Amino acid sequence: MTSIDDVAASLGVSTATVSRALRGLPGVAEETRARVVSTARTLGYVPSSAASGLASGRTMAMGVLVPVINRWYFSAVLEGVDRQLRAAGYDLIVFSLGGDGINRDRVFHRSILRKRIDALLVMCMHLTEEERKAVQQLDYPNIVVGGAVEGVRHVGIDDAAAARDAVEHLISLGHTRIAHMRGGGSFDIDFEVPRIREQAYRDAMADHGLHVREDWSAFGDFRFSTSHASALQLLRDPSDRPTAVFCSSDEMAFGVLRAAVELGIDVPGELSVIGIDDHEFAEPMGLTTVRQDPEDQGAFAADILLGELLRDQPADYPPSRPHLLVERGTTGPVRA
């Protein structure tokens, strides 16, 4: 089995340099760090998290709490977190609530609060007051990725600005009859996000003097199947339907697009559709959307926590990550 001494000997550097480079510690030139990582990978060396933690008293593991794993956003954030942890010689421990929340007590009161991890990353979800206090009282760094949680710092896009950009894009194309496919409800996912995006939609409409029809506020639950069923109802009357739909996520936009196909509605000639996310299927489906990068968000949050573990003090960072309007083929000028 390849040892750290083998890596050091291959490069002609000390074992201490190899150790610091693989753990992401300061004091190592970036060129040297890159050579160490590349050589360790080539030789098949795997750092021992247990051995690394002996000197520091740490577990060399970071916990990530997710409502569910099998959703695009959560898996993308995990990919970004895991990439940074592997580079730093840290292990990733995933705590999943499994969608129905029955694991909440186990996670909050018997797993996370044990000394099994050095830091905790929570993905966008609603926390009860008791759970929020439990997180706030942790004696190791923690952060939320995605929707904000009161009293806990977070990293994510400016959801209000992203939603407003989407609605403003539709308005700039001449649309005034704009419906909203809203999310929220399942597993407490994105608890604040759907409310923020809906309010931004309403504010943008009001700022342009446009009427918001309550019967055009359709519930999509951030899911293809739910939004598809809602869109069939929303668009069923050709004499009284919107010319555009703002969807609070791409997965819901996919449901609207499918409903439009089934109803024989031309997109974007008769109906413009826009989402938020830039889901991996958005480009092949030609969906106009507001792009966010959950993998970047996960990596950014992981770097914050890793940096704080090294410095033993909170980091100063901008909480909002970038978003970008991406115009494709599902939006166009309103038909006269």
Protein backbone atom coordinates (compact mmCIF):
# COMPACT_ATOMS: atom_id res chain seq x y z
CA MET A 1 0.00 0.00 0.00
CA THR A 2 1.32 3.43 -0.95
CA SER A 3 2.31 5.58 2.04
CA ILE A 4 2.78 9.30 2.49
CA ASP A 5 6.54 8.63 2.60
CA ASP A 6 6.34 7.12 -0.89
CA VAL A 7 4.65 10.28 -2.21
CA ALA A 8 7.25 12.50 -0.53
CA ALA A 9 10.16 10.43 -1.84
CA SER A 10 8.76 10.48 -5.37
CA LEU A 11 8.64 14.27 -5.33
CA GLY A 12 11.78 14.90 -3.29
CA VAL A 13 9.91 16.85 -0.61
CA SER A 14 9.25 16.27 3.08
CA THR A 15 6.34 14.23 4.39
CA ALA A 16 5.20 17.35 6.26
CA THR A 17 4.90 19.23 2.93
CA VAL A 18 2.86 16.38 1.43
CA SER A 19 0.61 16.29 4.49
CA ARG A 20 -0.01 20.04 4.43
CA ALA A 21 -0.64 20.04 0.68
CA LEU A 22 -3.18 17.22 0.80
CA ARG A 23 -5.02 18.75 3.76
CA GLY A 24 -5.29 22.17 2.09
CA LEU A 25 -3.22 23.89 4.79
CA PRO A 26 -1.41 27.19 4.15
CA GLY A 27 2.34 27.46 3.67
CA VAL A 28 2.51 25.36 0.50
CA ALA A 29 3.03 26.90 -2.94
CA GLU A 30 0.15 26.24 -5.31
CA GLU A 31 2.47 24.65 -7.87
CA THR A 32 3.80 22.28 -5.20
CA ARG A 33 0.30 21.51 -3.96
CA ALA A 34 -0.81 20.62 -7.50
CA ARG A 35 2.21 18.31 -7.94
CA VAL A 36 1.54 16.61 -4.62
CA VAL A 37 -2.15 16.03 -5.38
CA SER A 38 -1.36 14.73 -8.87
CA THR A 39 1.38 12.37 -7.65
CA ALA A 40 -0.71 11.08 -4.75
CA ARG A 41 -3.53 10.30 -7.18
CA THR A 42 -1.15 8.57 -9.60
CA LEU A 43 0.43 6.44 -6.86
CA GLY A 44 -2.95 5.63 -5.35
CA TYR A 45 -2.23 7.19 -1.97
CA VAL A 46 -5.33 7.77 0.20
CA PRO A 47 -4.87 9.96 3.32
CA SER A 48 -6.02 8.42 6.57
CA SER A 49 -8.57 10.71 8.15
CA ALA A 50 -8.12 8.93 11.49
CA ALA A 51 -4.37 9.48 11.50
CA SER A 52 -4.72 13.09 10.38
CA GLY A 53 -7.11 13.80 13.20
CA LEU A 54 -4.95 12.42 16.00
CA ALA A 55 -2.83 15.53 16.32
CA SER A 56 -5.70 18.00 16.01
CA GLY A 57 -8.34 16.12 17.97
CA ARG A 58 -10.64 16.35 14.97
CA THR A 59 -12.56 13.68 13.11
CA MET A 60 -11.49 14.98 9.67
CA ALA A 61 -15.11 14.63 8.55
CA MET A 62 -17.78 17.17 7.59
CA GLY A 63 -21.51 16.50 7.84
CA VAL A 64 -24.06 17.51 5.21
CA LEU A 65 -27.76 17.45 6.13
CA VAL A 66 -30.19 17.05 3.22
CA PRO A 67 -33.99 16.62 3.11
CA VAL A 68 -33.62 14.10 0.24
CA ILE A 69 -30.73 13.01 -1.95
CA ASN A 70 -32.45 12.22 -5.27
CA ARG A 71 -33.14 15.80 -6.37
CA TRP A 72 -30.99 17.68 -8.87
CA TYR A 73 -30.16 20.66 -6.65
CA PHE A 74 -29.12 18.61 -3.63
CA SER A 75 -26.97 16.15 -5.60
CA ALA A 76 -25.24 19.05 -7.38
CA VAL A 77 -24.45 20.81 -4.08
CA LEU A 78 -23.09 17.51 -2.70
CA GLU A 79 -20.80 17.18 -5.72
CA GLY A 80 -19.29 20.59 -5.02
CA VAL A 81 -18.86 19.89 -1.31
CA ASP A 82 -17.30 16.48 -1.91
CA ARG A 83 -14.82 17.89 -4.42
CA GLN A 84 -13.44 20.38 -1.91
CA LEU A 85 -13.39 17.91 0.98
CA ARG A 86 -11.49 15.29 -1.00
CA ALA A 87 -8.86 17.87 -1.93
CA ALA A 88 -8.48 18.77 1.75
CA GLY A 89 -8.30 15.15 2.95
CA TYR A 90 -11.71 15.38 4.65
CA ASP A 91 -14.44 12.74 4.64
CA LEU A 92 -18.07 13.51 3.81
CA ILE A 93 -20.89 12.19 6.02
CA VAL A 94 -24.39 12.63 4.59
CA PHE A 95 -27.36 12.84 6.95
CA SER A 96 -30.55 12.39 4.92
CA LEU A 97 -34.04 12.90 6.31
CA GLY A 98 -35.28 10.56 3.59
CA GLY A 99 -38.08 12.88 2.46
CA ASP A 100 -40.59 12.12 5.20
CA GLY A 101 -38.78 13.67 8.13
CA ILE A 102 -38.88 10.59 10.38
CA ASN A 103 -35.10 10.80 10.83
CA ARG A 104 -35.13 14.33 12.23
CA ASP A 105 -34.87 13.31 15.87
CA ARG A 106 -32.09 10.83 15.15
CA VAL A 107 -30.10 13.36 13.15
CA PHE A 108 -30.49 16.40 15.38
CA HIS A 109 -30.36 14.80 18.78
CA ARG A 110 -28.33 11.64 18.44
CA SER A 111 -26.09 11.89 15.39
CA ILE A 112 -25.05 15.45 14.62
CA LEU A 113 -24.71 16.45 18.25
CA ARG A 114 -22.27 13.62 18.86
CA LYS A 115 -18.62 14.35 18.15
CA ARG A 116 -18.70 12.63 14.74
CA ILE A 117 -17.98 15.67 12.56
CA ASP A 118 -15.90 18.84 12.61
CA ALA A 119 -18.40 21.05 10.75
CA LEU A 120 -21.98 20.92 9.46
CA LEU A 121 -23.51 22.08 6.18
CA VAL A 122 -27.33 22.17 6.03
CA MET A 123 -29.08 22.29 2.66
CA CYS A 124 -32.11 24.52 2.19
CA MET A 125 -34.88 23.27 4.46
CA HIS A 126 -37.13 24.52 7.20
CA LEU A 127 -35.86 24.01 10.72
CA THR A 128 -38.09 23.98 13.77
CA GLU A 129 -37.22 26.42 16.54
CA GLU A 130 -35.70 23.57 18.56
CA GLU A 131 -33.64 22.37 15.59
CA ARG A 132 -32.48 25.90 14.81
CA LYS A 133 -31.29 26.35 18.40
CA ALA A 134 -29.50 23.01 18.21
CA VAL A 135 -27.58 24.18 15.15
CA GLN A 136 -26.82 27.59 16.66
CA GLN A 137 -25.42 25.97 19.80
CA LEU A 138 -23.02 23.66 17.96
CA ASP A 139 -19.41 24.18 18.99
CA TYR A 140 -18.13 23.69 15.44
CA PRO A 141 -18.64 25.73 12.22
CA ASN A 142 -21.95 25.40 10.40
CA ILE A 143 -23.67 27.00 7.42
CA VAL A 144 -26.83 26.68 5.30
CA VAL A 145 -26.71 26.37 1.50
CA GLY A 146 -29.75 27.55 -0.43
CA GLY A 147 -32.77 29.14 1.23
CA ALA A 148 -32.03 31.18 4.33
CA VAL A 149 -32.77 29.90 7.84
CA GLU A 150 -33.44 32.52 10.50
CA GLY A 151 -30.48 32.98 12.79
CA VAL A 152 -28.14 30.76 10.75
CA ARG A 153 -25.76 32.14 8.12
CA HIS A 154 -26.17 30.89 4.58
CA VAL A 155 -24.85 30.83 1.02
CA GLY A 156 -27.08 30.96 -2.06
CA ILE A 157 -28.34 33.15 -4.86
CA ASP A 158 -30.41 36.28 -4.29
CA ASP A 159 -33.73 34.55 -4.90
CA ALA A 160 -35.73 37.77 -5.06
CA ALA A 161 -33.40 39.25 -7.68
CA ALA A 162 -33.37 36.02 -9.70
CA ALA A 163 -37.17 35.82 -9.78
CA ARG A 164 -37.48 39.50 -10.65
CA ASP A 165 -35.02 39.08 -13.54
CA ALA A 166 -37.18 36.26 -14.90
CA VAL A 167 -40.41 38.25 -14.69
CA GLU A 168 -38.79 41.41 -16.05
CA HIS A 169 -37.59 39.40 -19.05
CA LEU A 170 -41.17 38.36 -19.84
CA ILE A 171 -42.42 41.92 -19.40
CA SER A 172 -39.66 43.25 -21.69
CA LEU A 173 -41.05 40.96 -24.40
CA GLY A 174 -44.45 42.65 -24.08
CA HIS A 175 -46.18 40.08 -21.86
CA THR A 176 -48.76 41.38 -19.41
CA ARG A 177 -50.79 38.21 -18.83
CA ILE A 178 -48.19 36.36 -16.78
CA ALA A 179 -48.97 33.36 -14.60
CA HIS A 180 -46.79 31.92 -11.84
CA MET A 181 -46.02 28.23 -11.26
CA ARG A 182 -44.97 28.23 -7.62
CA GLY A 183 -43.15 25.69 -5.49
CA GLY A 184 -42.95 24.63 -1.88
CA GLY A 185 -44.65 22.12 0.34
CA SER A 186 -42.78 18.86 -0.03
CA PHE A 187 -40.43 17.79 2.77
CA ASP A 188 -40.05 21.45 3.87
CA ILE A 189 -37.63 21.84 0.96
CA ASP A 190 -36.64 25.45 0.19
CA PHE A 191 -38.97 26.69 2.90
CA GLU A 192 -38.20 30.38 2.36
CA VAL A 193 -37.33 30.18 -1.33
CA PRO A 194 -40.86 29.69 -2.76
CA ARG A 195 -42.22 32.53 -0.64
CA ILE A 196 -39.41 34.88 -1.66
CA ARG A 197 -39.76 34.06 -5.36
CA GLU A 198 -43.52 34.46 -5.30
CA GLN A 199 -43.26 37.82 -3.59
CA ALA A 200 -40.69 38.98 -6.15
CA TYR A 201 -43.07 37.97 -8.96
CA ARG A 202 -45.88 39.96 -7.36
CA ASP A 203 -43.65 42.97 -6.73
CA ALA A 204 -42.39 43.02 -10.32
CA MET A 205 -45.94 42.82 -11.66
CA ALA A 206 -47.09 45.61 -9.32
CA ASP A 207 -44.16 47.84 -10.28
CA HIS A 208 -45.34 47.66 -13.90
CA GLY A 209 -48.99 48.15 -13.01
CA LEU A 210 -49.87 44.59 -14.04
CA HIS A 211 -52.67 42.60 -12.46
CA VAL A 212 -51.90 39.32 -10.67
CA ARG A 213 -54.72 36.83 -11.10
CA GLU A 214 -54.98 34.47 -8.16
CA ASP A 215 -56.36 31.74 -10.41
CA TRP A 216 -53.12 31.99 -12.38
CA SER A 217 -51.03 31.22 -9.29
CA ALA A 218 -50.60 27.48 -9.82
CA PHE A 219 -48.98 25.05 -7.40
CA GLY A 220 -46.16 22.95 -8.87
CA ASP A 221 -44.34 21.77 -5.73
CA PHE A 222 -40.95 21.97 -7.50
CA ARG A 223 -41.91 18.74 -9.31
CA PHE A 224 -42.50 17.84 -12.95
CA SER A 225 -45.61 15.72 -12.29
CA THR A 226 -47.37 18.24 -10.03
CA SER A 227 -46.63 21.21 -12.29
CA HIS A 228 -47.71 19.25 -15.36
CA ALA A 229 -51.11 18.53 -13.82
CA SER A 230 -51.49 22.15 -12.67
CA ALA A 231 -50.48 23.49 -16.08
CA LEU A 232 -53.11 21.38 -17.84
CA GLN A 233 -55.73 23.16 -15.75
CA LEU A 234 -54.09 26.58 -16.08
CA LEU A 235 -53.88 26.43 -19.88
CA ARG A 236 -57.02 24.46 -20.73
CA ASP A 237 -59.18 27.43 -21.85
CA PRO A 238 -57.81 28.94 -25.09
CA SER A 239 -60.04 31.99 -24.69
CA ASP A 240 -58.69 32.90 -21.26
CA ARG A 241 -55.16 31.84 -20.58
CA PRO A 242 -51.82 33.57 -19.90
CA THR A 243 -49.34 34.38 -22.64
CA ALA A 244 -46.41 33.60 -20.33
CA VAL A 245 -45.64 31.50 -17.28
CA PHE A 246 -42.90 32.29 -14.78
CA CYS A 247 -41.88 29.02 -13.08
CA SER A 248 -39.99 29.12 -9.78
CA SER A 249 -37.85 26.17 -10.90
CA ASP A 250 -36.83 24.49 -14.14
CA GLU A 251 -38.40 21.16 -13.18
CA MET A 252 -41.77 22.90 -12.95
CA ALA A 253 -41.08 24.64 -16.27
CA PHE A 254 -40.58 21.20 -17.83
CA GLY A 255 -44.06 20.25 -16.61
CA VAL A 256 -45.55 23.39 -18.18
CA LEU A 257 -43.80 22.69 -21.48
CA ARG A 258 -45.15 19.15 -21.52
CA ALA A 259 -48.68 20.39 -20.87
CA ALA A 260 -48.32 22.92 -23.70
CA VAL A 261 -47.36 20.13 -26.10
CA GLU A 262 -50.36 18.03 -25.06
CA LEU A 263 -52.72 20.99 -25.48
CA GLY A 264 -51.27 21.95 -28.86
CA ILE A 265 -49.98 25.32 -27.64
CA ASP A 266 -47.09 26.76 -29.63
CA VAL A 267 -44.05 27.76 -27.54
CA PRO A 268 -42.99 30.53 -27.72
CA GLY A 269 -45.51 31.73 -30.33
CA GLU A 270 -48.55 31.41 -28.07
CA LEU A 271 -46.89 30.85 -24.70
CA SER A 272 -43.54 31.88 -23.24
CA VAL A 273 -42.08 29.83 -20.38
CA ILE A 274 -39.13 30.70 -18.12
CA GLY A 275 -37.65 28.92 -15.12
CA ILE A 276 -34.93 29.27 -12.49
CA ASP A 277 -31.95 26.91 -12.05
CA ASP A 278 -30.41 25.98 -15.43
CA HIS A 279 -31.08 22.35 -14.65
CA GLU A 280 -28.96 19.83 -16.57
CA PHE A 281 -31.92 19.25 -18.94
CA ALA A 282 -32.62 22.97 -19.50
CA GLU A 283 -30.22 23.41 -22.41
CA PRO A 284 -31.29 20.30 -24.39
CA MET A 285 -34.92 21.36 -23.91
CA GLY A 286 -34.15 24.91 -25.02
CA LEU A 287 -35.53 26.40 -21.81
CA THR A 288 -34.99 30.07 -21.06
CA THR A 289 -33.99 30.25 -17.41
CA VAL A 290 -32.11 32.09 -14.69
CA ARG A 291 -28.96 30.11 -14.06
CA GLN A 292 -27.62 29.28 -10.63
CA ASP A 293 -24.69 26.96 -9.91
CA PRO A 294 -25.43 24.69 -6.92
CA GLU A 295 -22.11 22.88 -7.33
CA ASP A 296 -20.33 26.22 -6.94
CA GLN A 297 -22.48 27.01 -3.90
CA GLY A 298 -21.54 23.72 -2.27
CA ALA A 299 -17.84 24.18 -3.00
CA PHE A 300 -17.92 27.78 -1.75
CA ALA A 301 -19.66 26.80 1.51
CA ALA A 302 -17.27 23.88 2.06
CA ASP A 303 -14.28 26.21 1.56
CA ILE A 304 -15.71 28.60 4.16
CA LEU A 305 -16.02 25.82 6.73
CA LEU A 306 -12.61 24.33 5.94
CA GLY A 307 -11.02 27.76 6.25
CA GLU A 308 -12.64 28.33 9.62
CA LEU A 309 -11.40 24.97 10.88
CA LEU A 310 -7.88 26.08 10.00
CA ARG A 311 -8.17 29.57 11.49
CA ASP A 312 -10.52 28.76 14.39
CA GLN A 313 -12.45 31.95 13.72
CA PRO A 314 -15.52 32.89 11.61
CA ALA A 315 -14.97 33.91 8.00
CA ASP A 316 -16.16 37.13 6.39
CA TYR A 317 -17.78 36.31 3.03
CA PRO A 318 -20.48 37.56 0.61
CA PRO A 319 -23.56 35.28 1.05
CA SER A 320 -24.99 35.80 -2.44
CA ARG A 321 -23.61 33.72 -5.30
CA PRO A 322 -24.07 34.83 -8.92
CA HIS A 323 -27.09 34.16 -11.13
CA LEU A 324 -27.53 34.86 -14.84
CA LEU A 325 -30.45 35.12 -17.26
CA VAL A 326 -29.95 32.58 -20.07
CA GLU A 327 -32.17 33.19 -23.10
CA ARG A 328 -33.07 30.16 -25.18
CA GLY A 329 -36.06 29.13 -27.23
CA THR A 330 -39.03 29.07 -24.84
CA THR A 331 -39.54 32.83 -24.57
CA GLY A 332 -40.43 35.29 -27.29
CA PRO A 333 -42.39 38.48 -27.99
CA VAL A 334 -46.06 38.44 -27.14
CA ARG A 335 -48.22 37.76 -30.19
CA ALA A 336 -50.25 40.80 -31.25
